[in-house]
C-alpha atoms as a PDB file:
ATOM      1  CA  MET A   1     -30.149   0.969  23.493  1.00  0.00           C
ATOM      2  CA  LYS A   2     -32.207  -2.107  22.852  1.00  0.00           C
ATOM      3  CA  PHE A   3     -32.657  -4.358  25.857  1.00  0.00           C
ATOM      4  CA  SER A   4     -33.570  -7.661  24.246  1.00  0.00           C
ATOM      5  CA  LEU A   5     -31.325 -10.504  25.352  1.00  0.00           C
ATOM      6  CA  GLY A   6     -29.972 -10.937  21.839  1.00  0.00           C
ATOM      7  CA  GLU A   7     -29.078  -7.254  21.540  1.00  0.00           C
ATOM      8  CA  ILE A   8     -27.449  -7.236  24.975  1.00  0.00           C
ATOM      9  CA  GLU A   9     -25.314 -10.259  24.084  1.00  0.00           C
ATOM     10  CA  LYS A  10     -24.418  -8.752  20.715  1.00  0.00           C
ATOM     11  CA  SER A  11     -23.403  -5.413  22.236  1.00  0.00           C
ATOM     12  CA  ALA A  12     -21.031  -7.193  24.644  1.00  0.00           C
ATOM     13  CA  GLN A  13     -18.964  -8.234  21.617  1.00  0.00           C
ATOM     14  CA  GLU A  14     -19.009  -4.858  19.830  1.00  0.00           C
ATOM     15  CA  THR A  15     -15.813  -2.947  19.207  1.00  0.00           C
ATOM     16  CA  CYS A  16     -15.156   0.758  18.994  1.00  0.00           C
ATOM     17  CA  GLU A  17     -12.465   2.688  17.155  1.00  0.00           C
ATOM     18  CA  VAL A  18     -10.487   5.256  19.114  1.00  0.00           C
ATOM     19  CA  VAL A  19      -8.922   7.627  16.590  1.00  0.00           C
ATOM     20  CA  VAL A  20      -5.824   9.443  17.857  1.00  0.00           C
ATOM     21  CA  GLY A  21      -4.805  11.158  14.649  1.00  0.00           C
ATOM     22  CA  HIS A  22      -4.848  11.298  10.866  1.00  0.00           C
ATOM     23  CA  TYR A  23      -2.211  11.191   8.183  1.00  0.00           C
ATOM     24  CA  ASP A  24      -1.675  14.305   6.088  1.00  0.00           C
ATOM     25  CA  ASP A  25      -2.595  12.369   2.947  1.00  0.00           C
ATOM     26  CA  ASP A  26      -5.525  13.198   0.682  1.00  0.00           C
ATOM     27  CA  ALA A  27      -7.713  10.588   2.387  1.00  0.00           C
ATOM     28  CA  LYS A  28      -6.844  11.830   5.891  1.00  0.00           C
ATOM     29  CA  THR A  29      -6.222   8.186   6.831  1.00  0.00           C
ATOM     30  CA  PRO A  30      -7.084   7.636  10.504  1.00  0.00           C
ATOM     31  CA  VAL A  31      -4.726   6.184  13.092  1.00  0.00           C
ATOM     32  CA  GLY A  32      -5.965   4.587  16.256  1.00  0.00           C
ATOM     33  CA  PHE A  33      -7.012   1.617  18.316  1.00  0.00           C
ATOM     34  CA  THR A  34      -9.825  -0.917  18.209  1.00  0.00           C
ATOM     35  CA  VAL A  35     -11.194  -1.585  21.693  1.00  0.00           C
ATOM     36  CA  VAL A  36     -13.834  -3.664  23.416  1.00  0.00           C
ATOM     37  CA  GLY A  37     -15.991  -2.367  26.235  1.00  0.00           C
ATOM     38  CA  THR A  38     -17.045  -3.218  29.750  1.00  0.00           C
ATOM     39  CA  GLY A  39     -19.353  -6.011  28.628  1.00  0.00           C
ATOM     40  CA  SER A  40     -16.598  -7.981  26.900  1.00  0.00           C
ATOM     41  CA  LYS A  41     -14.827 -11.095  28.107  1.00  0.00           C
ATOM     42  CA  GLU A  42     -11.519  -9.216  27.664  1.00  0.00           C
ATOM     43  CA  TYR A  43     -12.650  -6.502  30.070  1.00  0.00           C
ATOM     44  CA  ALA A  44     -13.781  -9.132  32.572  1.00  0.00           C
ATOM     45  CA  GLN A  45     -10.377 -10.868  32.388  1.00  0.00           C
ATOM     46  CA  ALA A  46      -8.497  -7.582  32.814  1.00  0.00           C
ATOM     47  CA  ASP A  47     -10.752  -6.751  35.772  1.00  0.00           C
ATOM     48  CA  ARG A  48      -9.922 -10.129  37.332  1.00  0.00           C
ATOM     49  CA  ASP A  49      -6.185  -9.521  36.837  1.00  0.00           C
ATOM     50  CA  ILE A  50      -6.598  -6.153  38.532  1.00  0.00           C
ATOM     51  CA  GLN A  51      -8.434  -7.755  41.455  1.00  0.00           C
ATOM     52  CA  ILE A  52      -5.561 -10.204  41.903  1.00  0.00           C
ATOM     53  CA  LEU A  53      -3.078  -7.323  41.965  1.00  0.00           C
ATOM     54  CA  ASN A  54      -5.246  -5.514  44.536  1.00  0.00           C
ATOM     55  CA  ILE A  55      -5.337  -8.605  46.760  1.00  0.00           C
ATOM     56  CA  LYS A  56      -1.555  -8.972  46.600  1.00  0.00           C
ATOM     57  CA  GLU A  57      -1.029  -5.315  47.515  1.00  0.00           C
ATOM     58  CA  ALA A  58      -3.520  -5.561  50.379  1.00  0.00           C
ATOM     59  CA  ALA A  59      -1.711  -8.632  51.727  1.00  0.00           C
ATOM     60  CA  LEU A  60       1.579  -6.740  51.718  1.00  0.00           C
ATOM     61  CA  ARG A  61       0.002  -3.870  53.631  1.00  0.00           C
ATOM     62  CA  LYS A  62      -1.586  -6.202  56.211  1.00  0.00           C
ATOM     63  CA  THR A  63       1.679  -7.969  56.949  1.00  0.00           C
ATOM     64  CA  GLY A  64       3.270  -4.614  57.658  1.00  0.00           C
ATOM     65  CA  ARG A  65       5.866  -5.125  54.956  1.00  0.00           C
ATOM     66  CA  LEU A  66       4.905  -1.787  53.426  1.00  0.00           C
ATOM     67  CA  ASP A  67       5.434   1.512  55.186  1.00  0.00           C
ATOM     68  CA  LEU A  68       3.356   3.956  53.163  1.00  0.00           C
ATOM     69  CA  THR A  69       5.009   6.894  54.873  1.00  0.00           C
ATOM     70  CA  THR A  70       8.178   6.171  52.895  1.00  0.00           C
ATOM     71  CA  ASP A  71       8.677   7.314  49.319  1.00  0.00           C
ATOM     72  CA  LYS A  72       9.822   3.843  48.266  1.00  0.00           C
ATOM     73  CA  ASP A  73       6.738   2.000  49.489  1.00  0.00           C
ATOM     74  CA  ALA A  74       4.336   4.750  48.432  1.00  0.00           C
ATOM     75  CA  ALA A  75       5.908   4.570  44.968  1.00  0.00           C
ATOM     76  CA  MET A  76       5.236   0.833  44.937  1.00  0.00           C
ATOM     77  CA  ILE A  77       1.510   1.531  45.400  1.00  0.00           C
ATOM     78  CA  ALA A  78       1.598   4.247  42.729  1.00  0.00           C
ATOM     79  CA  ASP A  79       3.346   1.812  40.376  1.00  0.00           C
ATOM     80  CA  GLY A  80       0.571  -0.665  41.100  1.00  0.00           C
ATOM     81  CA  ALA A  81      -2.016   1.921  40.123  1.00  0.00           C
ATOM     82  CA  GLU A  82      -0.245   2.444  36.800  1.00  0.00           C
ATOM     83  CA  LYS A  83      -0.022  -1.309  36.300  1.00  0.00           C
ATOM     84  CA  ARG A  84      -3.793  -1.582  36.869  1.00  0.00           C
ATOM     85  CA  ARG A  85      -4.376   1.132  34.272  1.00  0.00           C
ATOM     86  CA  LEU A  86      -2.177  -0.646  31.738  1.00  0.00           C
ATOM     87  CA  LEU A  87      -3.785  -4.035  32.445  1.00  0.00           C
ATOM     88  CA  GLN A  88      -7.167  -2.544  31.549  1.00  0.00           C
ATOM     89  CA  ILE A  89      -5.854  -0.900  28.400  1.00  0.00           C
ATOM     90  CA  GLU A  90      -3.840  -3.906  27.228  1.00  0.00           C
ATOM     91  CA  GLY A  91      -6.767  -6.208  27.912  1.00  0.00           C
ATOM     92  CA  CYS A  92      -9.276  -4.142  25.970  1.00  0.00           C
ATOM     93  CA  VAL A  93      -7.246  -2.973  22.975  1.00  0.00           C
ATOM     94  CA  VAL A  94      -7.820  -5.763  20.462  1.00  0.00           C
ATOM     95  CA  GLY A  95      -6.231  -4.172  17.411  1.00  0.00           C
ATOM     96  CA  TRP A  96      -5.129  -0.983  15.756  1.00  0.00           C
ATOM     97  CA  PHE A  97      -5.014   0.763  12.430  1.00  0.00           C
ATOM     98  CA  GLY A  98      -2.731   3.225  10.673  1.00  0.00           C
ATOM     99  CA  PHE A  99       0.449   2.622  12.665  1.00  0.00           C
ATOM    100  CA  THR A 100       3.605   1.944  10.662  1.00  0.00           C
ATOM    101  CA  ASP A 101       7.031   0.583  11.440  1.00  0.00           C
ATOM    102  CA  SER A 102      10.048   2.891  11.679  1.00  0.00           C
ATOM    103  CA  ASP A 103      10.310   3.004   7.887  1.00  0.00           C
ATOM    104  CA  GLY A 104       6.903   4.682   7.702  1.00  0.00           C
ATOM    105  CA  GLN A 105       5.790   2.336   4.929  1.00  0.00           C
ATOM    106  CA  THR A 106       5.155  -1.038   6.571  1.00  0.00           C
ATOM    107  CA  ALA A 107       2.106  -1.595   8.755  1.00  0.00           C
ATOM    108  CA  LEU A 108       3.185  -2.082  12.357  1.00  0.00           C
ATOM    109  CA  GLU A 109       2.162  -5.483  13.671  1.00  0.00           C
ATOM    110  CA  PHE A 110      -0.256  -5.321  16.581  1.00  0.00           C
ATOM    111  CA  THR A 111       1.483  -7.062  19.483  1.00  0.00           C
ATOM    112  CA  PRO A 112       1.446  -6.456  23.243  1.00  0.00           C
ATOM    113  CA  ASP A 113       5.052  -5.240  23.075  1.00  0.00           C
ATOM    114  CA  ASN A 114       4.332  -2.797  20.244  1.00  0.00           C
ATOM    115  CA  LEU A 115       1.251  -1.548  22.075  1.00  0.00           C
ATOM    116  CA  ARG A 116       3.356  -0.901  25.186  1.00  0.00           C
ATOM    117  CA  ARG A 117       5.951   0.954  23.097  1.00  0.00           C
ATOM    118  CA  VAL A 118       3.323   3.191  21.505  1.00  0.00           C
ATOM    119  CA  LEU A 119       1.673   3.934  24.857  1.00  0.00           C
ATOM    120  CA  LYS A 120       5.040   4.637  26.463  1.00  0.00           C
ATOM    121  CA  ALA A 121       5.720   7.203  23.736  1.00  0.00           C
ATOM    122  CA  ARG A 122       2.202   8.679  23.998  1.00  0.00           C
ATOM    123  CA  PRO A 123       0.867   7.875  27.482  1.00  0.00           C
ATOM    124  CA  HIS A 124      -2.025  10.337  27.149  1.00  0.00           C
ATOM    125  CA  TRP A 125      -3.546   8.081  24.473  1.00  0.00           C
ATOM    126  CA  GLY A 126      -4.220   5.642  27.298  1.00  0.00           C
ATOM    127  CA  ASN A 127      -6.682   8.137  28.766  1.00  0.00           C
ATOM    128  CA  LEU A 128      -8.550   8.358  25.457  1.00  0.00           C
ATOM    129  CA  ILE A 129      -8.681   4.573  25.265  1.00  0.00           C
ATOM    130  CA  LEU A 130      -9.975   4.214  28.829  1.00  0.00           C
ATOM    131  CA  MET A 131     -12.687   6.828  28.278  1.00  0.00           C
ATOM    132  CA  ALA A 132     -13.879   4.992  25.164  1.00  0.00           C
ATOM    133  CA  ILE A 133     -13.880   1.620  26.944  1.00  0.00           C
ATOM    134  CA  GLU A 134     -16.002   2.959  29.792  1.00  0.00           C
ATOM    135  CA  ASP A 135     -18.528   4.771  27.569  1.00  0.00           C
ATOM    136  CA  GLU A 136     -21.375   2.294  27.092  1.00  0.00           C
ATOM    137  CA  ARG A 137     -22.704   4.314  24.144  1.00  0.00           C
ATOM    138  CA  ASN A 138     -19.709   3.195  22.070  1.00  0.00           C
ATOM    139  CA  PHE A 139     -20.867  -0.411  22.240  1.00  0.00           C
ATOM    140  CA  SER A 140     -24.665  -0.111  22.194  1.00  0.00           C
ATOM    141  CA  LYS A 141     -25.811   0.413  18.655  1.00  0.00           C
ATOM    142  CA  GLY A 142     -29.435   1.269  18.201  1.00  0.00           C
END
């Protein structure tokens, strides 16, 4: 990695492709997501949203409105952990490639709702995305 100010600023805006598969065509067309990393403004915003969620959950625990010995309230915390994971993913996925609509011919528009649908169908792809986001090498060329 180069540590000049210009290179540091440039690397904060870099994207990385996370390939999750390939078509069986002659070109082996890739399918995947375009993500930004930990230096990006999108990551910083997602991190802020996560902090807000953490503060809200902590306030509930302090007021005694949550009894973490019950399945219901423990599930609420677990749901919050999943929400934090999705906030990070949704904040840092800035595009995708290779996905098609149900007809298999039309490119699927990249929208937050479509992203959620894809990740609901293939939740393990979220892990691949998160690993790529956190790996500084993906965003530091040179």
